[in-house]
């Protein structure tokens, strides 16, 4: 949830991150985990 109208920099991790678009309104830069769709223990 955003608490202000400023642009944010989300960090996307785990499998669901692969379905998020590369550009999103209100987002300055998206950071993705290099192992995004893979869960390791």
N, C-alpha and C. Protein backbone atom coordinates (compact mmCIF):
# COMPACT_ATOMS: atom_id res chain seq x y z
N UNK A 1 0.83 -1.16 0.00
CA UNK A 1 0.00 0.00 0.00
C UNK A 1 0.89 1.24 0.00
N UNK A 2 0.59 2.18 -0.89
CA UNK A 2 1.31 3.44 -0.93
C UNK A 2 0.66 4.42 0.04
N UNK A 3 1.50 5.16 0.78
CA UNK A 3 0.98 6.14 1.71
C UNK A 3 1.14 7.57 1.19
N UNK A 4 1.76 7.72 0.01
CA UNK A 4 1.91 9.03 -0.61
C UNK A 4 1.78 8.88 -2.11
N UNK A 5 1.73 10.00 -2.82
CA UNK A 5 1.57 9.95 -4.27
C UNK A 5 2.91 9.86 -5.00
N UNK A 6 4.03 9.84 -4.26
CA UNK A 6 5.36 9.75 -4.87
C UNK A 6 5.60 8.40 -5.52
N UNK A 7 6.59 8.37 -6.43
CA UNK A 7 6.94 7.12 -7.11
C UNK A 7 7.71 6.22 -6.15
N UNK A 8 7.54 4.92 -6.26
CA UNK A 8 8.17 3.95 -5.36
C UNK A 8 9.14 3.06 -6.12
N UNK A 9 9.97 2.33 -5.40
CA UNK A 9 10.92 1.37 -5.96
C UNK A 9 10.66 0.01 -5.32
N UNK A 10 9.75 -0.79 -5.88
CA UNK A 10 9.45 -2.08 -5.26
C UNK A 10 10.55 -3.12 -5.50
N UNK A 11 10.65 -4.07 -4.59
CA UNK A 11 11.56 -5.21 -4.73
C UNK A 11 10.66 -6.43 -4.90
N UNK A 12 10.77 -7.09 -6.06
CA UNK A 12 9.92 -8.25 -6.35
C UNK A 12 10.73 -9.53 -6.19
N UNK A 13 10.19 -10.46 -5.41
CA UNK A 13 10.86 -11.73 -5.16
C UNK A 13 9.88 -12.89 -5.31
N UNK A 14 10.39 -14.08 -5.46
CA UNK A 14 9.66 -15.33 -5.54
C UNK A 14 8.82 -15.41 -6.82
N UNK A 15 8.16 -16.50 -7.05
CA UNK A 15 7.50 -16.84 -8.30
C UNK A 15 6.53 -15.84 -8.87
N UNK A 16 5.72 -15.20 -8.06
CA UNK A 16 4.74 -14.25 -8.57
C UNK A 16 5.35 -13.04 -9.24
N UNK A 17 6.62 -12.76 -8.98
CA UNK A 17 7.27 -11.58 -9.54
C UNK A 17 7.40 -11.65 -11.06
N UNK A 18 7.36 -12.85 -11.63
CA UNK A 18 7.53 -12.98 -13.09
C UNK A 18 6.30 -12.52 -13.86
N UNK A 19 5.15 -12.39 -13.19
CA UNK A 19 3.94 -11.96 -13.90
C UNK A 19 3.72 -10.45 -13.82
N UNK A 20 4.56 -9.74 -13.10
CA UNK A 20 4.44 -8.29 -12.97
C UNK A 20 5.11 -7.62 -14.17
N UNK A 21 4.43 -6.64 -14.76
CA UNK A 21 4.95 -5.93 -15.93
C UNK A 21 6.27 -5.21 -15.59
N UNK A 22 7.06 -4.95 -16.63
CA UNK A 22 8.33 -4.24 -16.43
C UNK A 22 8.13 -2.76 -16.15
N UNK A 23 7.00 -2.20 -16.57
CA UNK A 23 6.69 -0.80 -16.30
C UNK A 23 5.31 -0.70 -15.67
N UNK A 24 5.23 0.02 -14.55
CA UNK A 24 3.98 0.18 -13.81
C UNK A 24 3.82 1.65 -13.46
N UNK A 25 2.63 2.18 -13.64
CA UNK A 25 2.35 3.57 -13.30
C UNK A 25 2.63 3.81 -11.82
N UNK A 26 3.35 4.89 -11.51
CA UNK A 26 3.65 5.23 -10.12
C UNK A 26 4.89 4.55 -9.58
N UNK A 27 5.59 3.78 -10.43
CA UNK A 27 6.79 3.07 -10.01
C UNK A 27 8.01 3.65 -10.73
N UNK A 28 9.02 4.03 -9.98
CA UNK A 28 10.23 4.61 -10.55
C UNK A 28 11.12 3.53 -11.16
N UNK A 29 11.43 2.50 -10.39
CA UNK A 29 12.30 1.41 -10.84
C UNK A 29 11.90 0.13 -10.12
N UNK A 30 11.90 -0.98 -10.84
CA UNK A 30 11.56 -2.27 -10.25
C UNK A 30 12.84 -3.07 -10.05
N UNK A 31 13.02 -3.58 -8.85
CA UNK A 31 14.16 -4.44 -8.55
C UNK A 31 13.65 -5.87 -8.45
N UNK A 32 14.28 -6.78 -9.20
CA UNK A 32 13.88 -8.19 -9.18
C UNK A 32 15.04 -9.04 -8.67
N UNK A 33 14.71 -10.03 -7.89
CA UNK A 33 15.69 -10.99 -7.41
C UNK A 33 16.19 -11.80 -8.60
N UNK A 34 17.50 -12.01 -8.71
CA UNK A 34 18.05 -12.74 -9.85
C UNK A 34 17.54 -14.18 -9.92
N UNK A 35 17.10 -14.73 -8.79
CA UNK A 35 16.55 -16.08 -8.74
C UNK A 35 15.03 -16.01 -8.61
N UNK A 36 14.42 -14.95 -9.11
CA UNK A 36 13.01 -14.66 -8.97
C UNK A 36 12.05 -15.81 -8.90
N UNK A 37 11.91 -16.62 -9.95
CA UNK A 37 10.91 -17.67 -9.91
C UNK A 37 11.32 -18.93 -9.15
N UNK A 38 12.50 -18.94 -8.54
CA UNK A 38 12.99 -20.14 -7.87
C UNK A 38 13.05 -19.93 -6.36
N UNK A 39 12.45 -20.83 -5.63
CA UNK A 39 12.52 -20.77 -4.17
C UNK A 39 13.60 -21.73 -3.71
N UNK A 40 14.52 -21.25 -2.88
CA UNK A 40 15.59 -22.11 -2.36
C UNK A 40 15.50 -22.16 -0.84
N UNK A 41 16.01 -23.21 -0.28
CA UNK A 41 16.00 -23.34 1.19
C UNK A 41 17.38 -23.28 1.73
